Amino acid sequence: IGPSDVIKAAGNLQSHATSNVANVSQAAAL
């Protein structure tokens, strides 16, 4: 969790590194 510009930039990195976290795990976390 952080400022929007930092989170957007980190999200860009993740989009190339791993894409989304496994959806089933995200549903469990929800």
All heavy atoms as atom14 arrays in JSON, in Angstrom:
{
  "sequence": "IGPSDVIKAAGNLQSHATSNVANVSQAAAL",
  "atom14_mask": [
    [1, 1, 1, 1, 1, 1, 1, 1, 0, 0, 0, 0, 0, 0],
    [1, 1, 1, 1, 0, 0, 0, 0, 0, 0, 0, 0, 0, 0],
    [1, 1, 1, 1, 1, 1, 1, 0, 0, 0, 0, 0, 0, 0],
    [1, 1, 1, 1, 1, 1, 0, 0, 0, 0, 0, 0, 0, 0],
    [1, 1, 1, 1, 1, 1, 1, 1, 0, 0, 0, 0, 0, 0],
    [1, 1, 1, 1, 1, 1, 1, 0, 0, 0, 0, 0, 0, 0],
    [1, 1, 1, 1, 1, 1, 1, 1, 0, 0, 0, 0, 0, 0],
    [1, 1, 1, 1, 1, 1, 1, 1, 1, 0, 0, 0, 0, 0],
    [1, 1, 1, 1, 1, 0, 0, 0, 0, 0, 0, 0, 0, 0],
    [1, 1, 1, 1, 1, 0, 0, 0, 0, 0, 0, 0, 0, 0],
    [1, 1, 1, 1, 0, 0, 0, 0, 0, 0, 0, 0, 0, 0],
    [1, 1, 1, 1, 1, 1, 1, 1, 0, 0, 0, 0, 0, 0],
    [1, 1, 1, 1, 1, 1, 1, 1, 0, 0, 0, 0, 0, 0],
    [1, 1, 1, 1, 1, 1, 1, 1, 1, 0, 0, 0, 0, 0],
    [1, 1, 1, 1, 1, 1, 0, 0, 0, 0, 0, 0, 0, 0],
    [1, 1, 1, 1, 1, 1, 1, 1, 1, 1, 0, 0, 0, 0],
    [1, 1, 1, 1, 1, 0, 0, 0, 0, 0, 0, 0, 0, 0],
    [1, 1, 1, 1, 1, 1, 1, 0, 0, 0, 0, 0, 0, 0],
    [1, 1, 1, 1, 1, 1, 0, 0, 0, 0, 0, 0, 0, 0],
    [1, 1, 1, 1, 1, 1, 1, 1, 0, 0, 0, 0, 0, 0],
    [1, 1, 1, 1, 1, 1, 1, 0, 0, 0, 0, 0, 0, 0],
    [1, 1, 1, 1, 1, 0, 0, 0, 0, 0, 0, 0, 0, 0],
    [1, 1, 1, 1, 1, 1, 1, 1, 0, 0, 0, 0, 0, 0],
    [1, 1, 1, 1, 1, 1, 1, 0, 0, 0, 0, 0, 0, 0],
    [1, 1, 1, 1, 1, 1, 0, 0, 0, 0, 0, 0, 0, 0],
    [1, 1, 1, 1, 1, 1, 1, 1, 1, 0, 0, 0, 0, 0],
    [1, 1, 1, 1, 1, 0, 0, 0, 0, 0, 0, 0, 0, 0],
    [1, 1, 1, 1, 1, 0, 0, 0, 0, 0, 0, 0, 0, 0],
    [1, 1, 1, 1, 1, 0, 0, 0, 0, 0, 0, 0, 0, 0],
    [1, 1, 1, 1, 1, 1, 1, 1, 0, 0, 0, 0, 0, 0]
  ],
  "atom14_positions": [
    [[0.87, -1.18, 0.0], [0.0, 0.0, 0.0], [0.9, 1.23, 0.0], [1.84, 1.31, 0.8], [-0.91, 0.03, 1.24], [-1.86, -1.17, 1.23], [-1.67, 1.33, 1.33], [-2.67, -1.3, 2.5], [0.0, 0.0, 0.0], [0.0, 0.0, 0.0], [0.0, 0.0, 0.0], [0.0, 0.0, 0.0], [0.0, 0.0, 0.0], [0.0, 0.0, 0.0]],
    [[0.64, 2.16, -0.89], [1.49, 3.35, -0.94], [0.89, 4.43, -1.82], [-0.25, 4.3, -2.3], [0.0, 0.0, 0.0], [0.0, 0.0, 0.0], [0.0, 0.0, 0.0], [0.0, 0.0, 0.0], [0.0, 0.0, 0.0], [0.0, 0.0, 0.0], [0.0, 0.0, 0.0], [0.0, 0.0, 0.0], [0.0, 0.0, 0.0], [0.0, 0.0, 0.0]],
    [[1.66, 5.48, -2.06], [1.19, 6.54, -2.96], [0.87, 5.97, -4.34], [1.52, 5.02, -4.8], [2.39, 7.5, -3.02], [3.17, 7.21, -1.78], [3.0, 5.75, -1.51], [0.0, 0.0, 0.0], [0.0, 0.0, 0.0], [0.0, 0.0, 0.0], [0.0, 0.0, 0.0], [0.0, 0.0, 0.0], [0.0, 0.0, 0.0], [0.0, 0.0, 0.0]],
    [[-0.1, 6.55, -5.0], [-0.6, 6.0, -6.26], [0.49, 5.86, -7.32], [0.51, 4.87, -8.06], [-1.75, 6.87, -6.79], [-2.84, 6.86, -5.89], [0.0, 0.0, 0.0], [0.0, 0.0, 0.0], [0.0, 0.0, 0.0], [0.0, 0.0, 0.0], [0.0, 0.0, 0.0], [0.0, 0.0, 0.0], [0.0, 0.0, 0.0], [0.0, 0.0, 0.0]],
    [[1.41, 6.84, -7.4], [2.42, 6.75, -8.44], [3.39, 5.6, -8.19], [3.81, 4.9, -9.12], [3.19, 8.08, -8.58], [3.83, 8.54, -7.28], [3.41, 8.08, -6.19], [4.76, 9.39, -7.35], [0.0, 0.0, 0.0], [0.0, 0.0, 0.0], [0.0, 0.0, 0.0], [0.0, 0.0, 0.0], [0.0, 0.0, 0.0], [0.0, 0.0, 0.0]],
    [[3.72, 5.36, -6.93], [4.62, 4.25, -6.59], [3.93, 2.92, -6.85], [4.53, 2.0, -7.43], [5.06, 4.36, -5.1], [5.83, 3.11, -4.67], [5.91, 5.6, -4.91], [0.0, 0.0, 0.0], [0.0, 0.0, 0.0], [0.0, 0.0, 0.0], [0.0, 0.0, 0.0], [0.0, 0.0, 0.0], [0.0, 0.0, 0.0], [0.0, 0.0, 0.0]],
    [[2.69, 2.79, -6.43], [1.96, 1.54, -6.62], [1.75, 1.25, -8.11], [1.86, 0.11, -8.55], [0.61, 1.59, -5.87], [0.87, 1.63, -4.36], [-0.26, 0.4, -6.23], [1.7, 0.49, -3.81], [0.0, 0.0, 0.0], [0.0, 0.0, 0.0], [0.0, 0.0, 0.0], [0.0, 0.0, 0.0], [0.0, 0.0, 0.0], [0.0, 0.0, 0.0]],
    [[1.47, 2.28, -8.9], [1.32, 2.07, -10.35], [2.62, 1.58, -10.97], [2.64, 0.65, -11.78], [0.86, 3.35, -11.03], [0.59, 3.18, -12.53], [0.1, 4.46, -13.17], [-0.32, 4.23, -14.62], [0.74, 3.59, -15.44], [0.0, 0.0, 0.0], [0.0, 0.0, 0.0], [0.0, 0.0, 0.0], [0.0, 0.0, 0.0], [0.0, 0.0, 0.0]],
    [[3.74, 2.2, -10.56], [5.04, 1.79, -11.12], [5.39, 0.36, -10.7], [5.87, -0.44, -11.52], [6.12, 2.76, -10.66], [0.0, 0.0, 0.0], [0.0, 0.0, 0.0], [0.0, 0.0, 0.0], [0.0, 0.0, 0.0], [0.0, 0.0, 0.0], [0.0, 0.0, 0.0], [0.0, 0.0, 0.0], [0.0, 0.0, 0.0], [0.0, 0.0, 0.0]],
    [[5.15, 0.03, -9.43], [5.41, -1.33, -8.97], [4.5, -2.32, -9.68], [4.9, -3.45, -9.99], [5.22, -1.41, -7.46], [0.0, 0.0, 0.0], [0.0, 0.0, 0.0], [0.0, 0.0, 0.0], [0.0, 0.0, 0.0], [0.0, 0.0, 0.0], [0.0, 0.0, 0.0], [0.0, 0.0, 0.0], [0.0, 0.0, 0.0], [0.0, 0.0, 0.0]],
    [[3.26, -1.91, -9.95], [2.34, -2.76, -10.69], [2.81, -3.01, -12.11], [2.62, -4.1, -12.66], [0.0, 0.0, 0.0], [0.0, 0.0, 0.0], [0.0, 0.0, 0.0], [0.0, 0.0, 0.0], [0.0, 0.0, 0.0], [0.0, 0.0, 0.0], [0.0, 0.0, 0.0], [0.0, 0.0, 0.0], [0.0, 0.0, 0.0], [0.0, 0.0, 0.0]],
    [[3.42, -1.98, -12.73], [3.98, -2.19, -14.07], [5.08, -3.25, -14.03], [5.16, -4.1, -14.94], [4.55, -0.87, -14.59], [3.48, 0.15, -14.93], [2.31, -0.2, -15.08], [3.86, 1.41, -15.06], [0.0, 0.0, 0.0], [0.0, 0.0, 0.0], [0.0, 0.0, 0.0], [0.0, 0.0, 0.0], [0.0, 0.0, 0.0], [0.0, 0.0, 0.0]],
    [[5.92, -3.2, -13.01], [6.97, -4.21, -12.86], [6.34, -5.6, -12.71], [6.76, -6.56, -13.38], [7.82, -3.88, -11.63], [8.79, -4.96, -11.14], [9.79, -5.33, -12.22], [9.5, -4.5, -9.86], [0.0, 0.0, 0.0], [0.0, 0.0, 0.0], [0.0, 0.0, 0.0], [0.0, 0.0, 0.0], [0.0, 0.0, 0.0], [0.0, 0.0, 0.0]],
    [[5.34, -5.7, -11.87], [4.71, -7.0, -11.65], [4.02, -7.52, -12.9], [3.99, -8.73, -13.15], [3.7, -6.89, -10.51], [3.04, -8.22, -10.15], [2.36, -8.16, -8.8], [2.99, -7.87, -7.79], [1.05, -8.41, -8.78], [0.0, 0.0, 0.0], [0.0, 0.0, 0.0], [0.0, 0.0, 0.0], [0.0, 0.0, 0.0], [0.0, 0.0, 0.0]],
    [[3.49, -6.62, -13.71], [2.8, -7.06, -14.93], [3.75, -7.79, -15.87], [3.31, -8.66, -16.64], [2.17, -5.85, -15.63], [3.17, -5.03, -16.25], [0.0, 0.0, 0.0], [0.0, 0.0, 0.0], [0.0, 0.0, 0.0], [0.0, 0.0, 0.0], [0.0, 0.0, 0.0], [0.0, 0.0, 0.0], [0.0, 0.0, 0.0], [0.0, 0.0, 0.0]],
    [[5.02, -7.46, -15.81], [6.01, -8.14, -16.65], [6.66, -9.32, -15.94], [7.12, -10.26, -16.58], [7.09, -7.16, -17.09], [6.6, -6.1, -18.03], [6.25, -6.36, -19.34], [6.38, -4.77, -17.84], [5.84, -5.25, -19.92], [5.91, -4.26, -19.03], [0.0, 0.0, 0.0], [0.0, 0.0, 0.0], [0.0, 0.0, 0.0], [0.0, 0.0, 0.0]],
    [[6.7, -9.28, -14.61], [7.39, -10.33, -13.85], [6.51, -11.56, -13.64], [6.93, -12.68, -13.91], [7.85, -9.78, -12.5], [0.0, 0.0, 0.0], [0.0, 0.0, 0.0], [0.0, 0.0, 0.0], [0.0, 0.0, 0.0], [0.0, 0.0, 0.0], [0.0, 0.0, 0.0], [0.0, 0.0, 0.0], [0.0, 0.0, 0.0], [0.0, 0.0, 0.0]],
    [[5.29, -11.35, -13.16], [4.44, -12.5, -12.8], [3.0, -12.38, -13.25], [2.25, -13.35, -13.15], [4.43, -12.69, -11.26], [3.89, -11.51, -10.65], [5.82, -12.95, -10.72], [0.0, 0.0, 0.0], [0.0, 0.0, 0.0], [0.0, 0.0, 0.0], [0.0, 0.0, 0.0], [0.0, 0.0, 0.0], [0.0, 0.0, 0.0], [0.0, 0.0, 0.0]],
    [[2.56, -11.21, -13.69], [1.14, -10.96, -13.94], [0.37, -11.11, -12.63], [0.9, -10.86, -11.56], [0.59, -11.87, -15.04], [1.27, -11.62, -16.26], [0.0, 0.0, 0.0], [0.0, 0.0, 0.0], [0.0, 0.0, 0.0], [0.0, 0.0, 0.0], [0.0, 0.0, 0.0], [0.0, 0.0, 0.0], [0.0, 0.0, 0.0], [0.0, 0.0, 0.0]],
    [[-0.88, -11.58, -12.71], [-1.72, -11.6, -11.51], [-1.33, -12.73, -10.56], [-0.82, -13.78, -10.98], [-3.19, -11.74, -11.89], [-3.5, -13.03, -12.63], [-3.29, -13.13, -13.84], [-4.0, -14.04, -11.92], [0.0, 0.0, 0.0], [0.0, 0.0, 0.0], [0.0, 0.0, 0.0], [0.0, 0.0, 0.0], [0.0, 0.0, 0.0], [0.0, 0.0, 0.0]],
    [[-1.59, -12.5, -9.29], [-1.5, -13.57, -8.3], [-2.58, -14.61, -8.63], [-3.65, -14.26, -9.14], [-1.72, -12.99, -6.88], [-1.77, -14.1, -5.82], [-0.63, -11.99, -6.56], [0.0, 0.0, 0.0], [0.0, 0.0, 0.0], [0.0, 0.0, 0.0], [0.0, 0.0, 0.0], [0.0, 0.0, 0.0], [0.0, 0.0, 0.0], [0.0, 0.0, 0.0]],
    [[-2.32, -15.88, -8.35], [-3.29, -16.94, -8.64], [-4.68, -16.55, -8.12], [-4.83, -16.2, -6.95], [-2.85, -18.25, -8.02], [0.0, 0.0, 0.0], [0.0, 0.0, 0.0], [0.0, 0.0, 0.0], [0.0, 0.0, 0.0], [0.0, 0.0, 0.0], [0.0, 0.0, 0.0], [0.0, 0.0, 0.0], [0.0, 0.0, 0.0], [0.0, 0.0, 0.0]],
    [[-5.66, -16.63, -9.0], [-7.0, -16.15, -8.65], [-7.63, -16.91, -7.48], [-8.35, -16.32, -6.67], [-7.91, -16.23, -9.88], [-7.52, -15.24, -10.95], [-7.13, -14.12, -10.66], [-7.6, -15.66, -12.21], [0.0, 0.0, 0.0], [0.0, 0.0, 0.0], [0.0, 0.0, 0.0], [0.0, 0.0, 0.0], [0.0, 0.0, 0.0], [0.0, 0.0, 0.0]],
    [[-7.39, -18.2, -7.4], [-7.95, -18.99, -6.3], [-7.37, -18.51, -4.97], [-8.09, -18.39, -3.97], [-7.69, -20.49, -6.52], [-8.04, -21.3, -5.27], [-8.48, -21.0, -7.72], [0.0, 0.0, 0.0], [0.0, 0.0, 0.0], [0.0, 0.0, 0.0], [0.0, 0.0, 0.0], [0.0, 0.0, 0.0], [0.0, 0.0, 0.0], [0.0, 0.0, 0.0]],
    [[-6.09, -18.21, -4.95], [-5.48, -17.68, -3.73], [-6.04, -16.31, -3.4], [-6.24, -15.98, -2.22], [-3.96, -17.6, -3.9], [-3.37, -18.88, -3.92], [0.0, 0.0, 0.0], [0.0, 0.0, 0.0], [0.0, 0.0, 0.0], [0.0, 0.0, 0.0], [0.0, 0.0, 0.0], [0.0, 0.0, 0.0], [0.0, 0.0, 0.0], [0.0, 0.0, 0.0]],
    [[-6.29, -15.51, -4.42], [-6.88, -14.19, -4.16], [-8.29, -14.32, -3.58], [-8.68, -13.55, -2.68], [-6.91, -13.36, -5.44], [-5.55, -12.9, -5.92], [-5.67, -11.8, -6.96], [-5.99, -10.65, -6.65], [-5.41, -12.14, -8.21], [0.0, 0.0, 0.0], [0.0, 0.0, 0.0], [0.0, 0.0, 0.0], [0.0, 0.0, 0.0], [0.0, 0.0, 0.0]],
    [[-9.05, -15.29, -4.06], [-10.39, -15.51, -3.52], [-10.32, -15.94, -2.07], [-11.14, -15.53, -1.23], [-11.13, -16.56, -4.36], [0.0, 0.0, 0.0], [0.0, 0.0, 0.0], [0.0, 0.0, 0.0], [0.0, 0.0, 0.0], [0.0, 0.0, 0.0], [0.0, 0.0, 0.0], [0.0, 0.0, 0.0], [0.0, 0.0, 0.0], [0.0, 0.0, 0.0]],
    [[-9.33, -16.77, -1.74], [-9.13, -17.19, -0.35], [-8.76, -15.99, 0.51], [-9.26, -15.81, 1.63], [-8.05, -18.26, -0.28], [0.0, 0.0, 0.0], [0.0, 0.0, 0.0], [0.0, 0.0, 0.0], [0.0, 0.0, 0.0], [0.0, 0.0, 0.0], [0.0, 0.0, 0.0], [0.0, 0.0, 0.0], [0.0, 0.0, 0.0], [0.0, 0.0, 0.0]],
    [[-7.87, -15.14, -0.01], [-7.46, -13.95, 0.74], [-8.63, -13.0, 0.94], [-8.74, -12.34, 1.99], [-6.32, -13.24, 0.0], [0.0, 0.0, 0.0], [0.0, 0.0, 0.0], [0.0, 0.0, 0.0], [0.0, 0.0, 0.0], [0.0, 0.0, 0.0], [0.0, 0.0, 0.0], [0.0, 0.0, 0.0], [0.0, 0.0, 0.0], [0.0, 0.0, 0.0]],
    [[-9.5, -12.91, -0.05], [-10.69, -12.05, 0.07], [-11.55, -12.52, 1.25], [-12.02, -11.71, 2.06], [-11.48, -12.08, -1.23], [-12.82, -11.34, -1.23], [-12.64, -9.86, -0.93], [-13.52, -11.53, -2.58], [0.0, 0.0, 0.0], [0.0, 0.0, 0.0], [0.0, 0.0, 0.0], [0.0, 0.0, 0.0], [0.0, 0.0, 0.0], [0.0, 0.0, 0.0]]
  ]
}
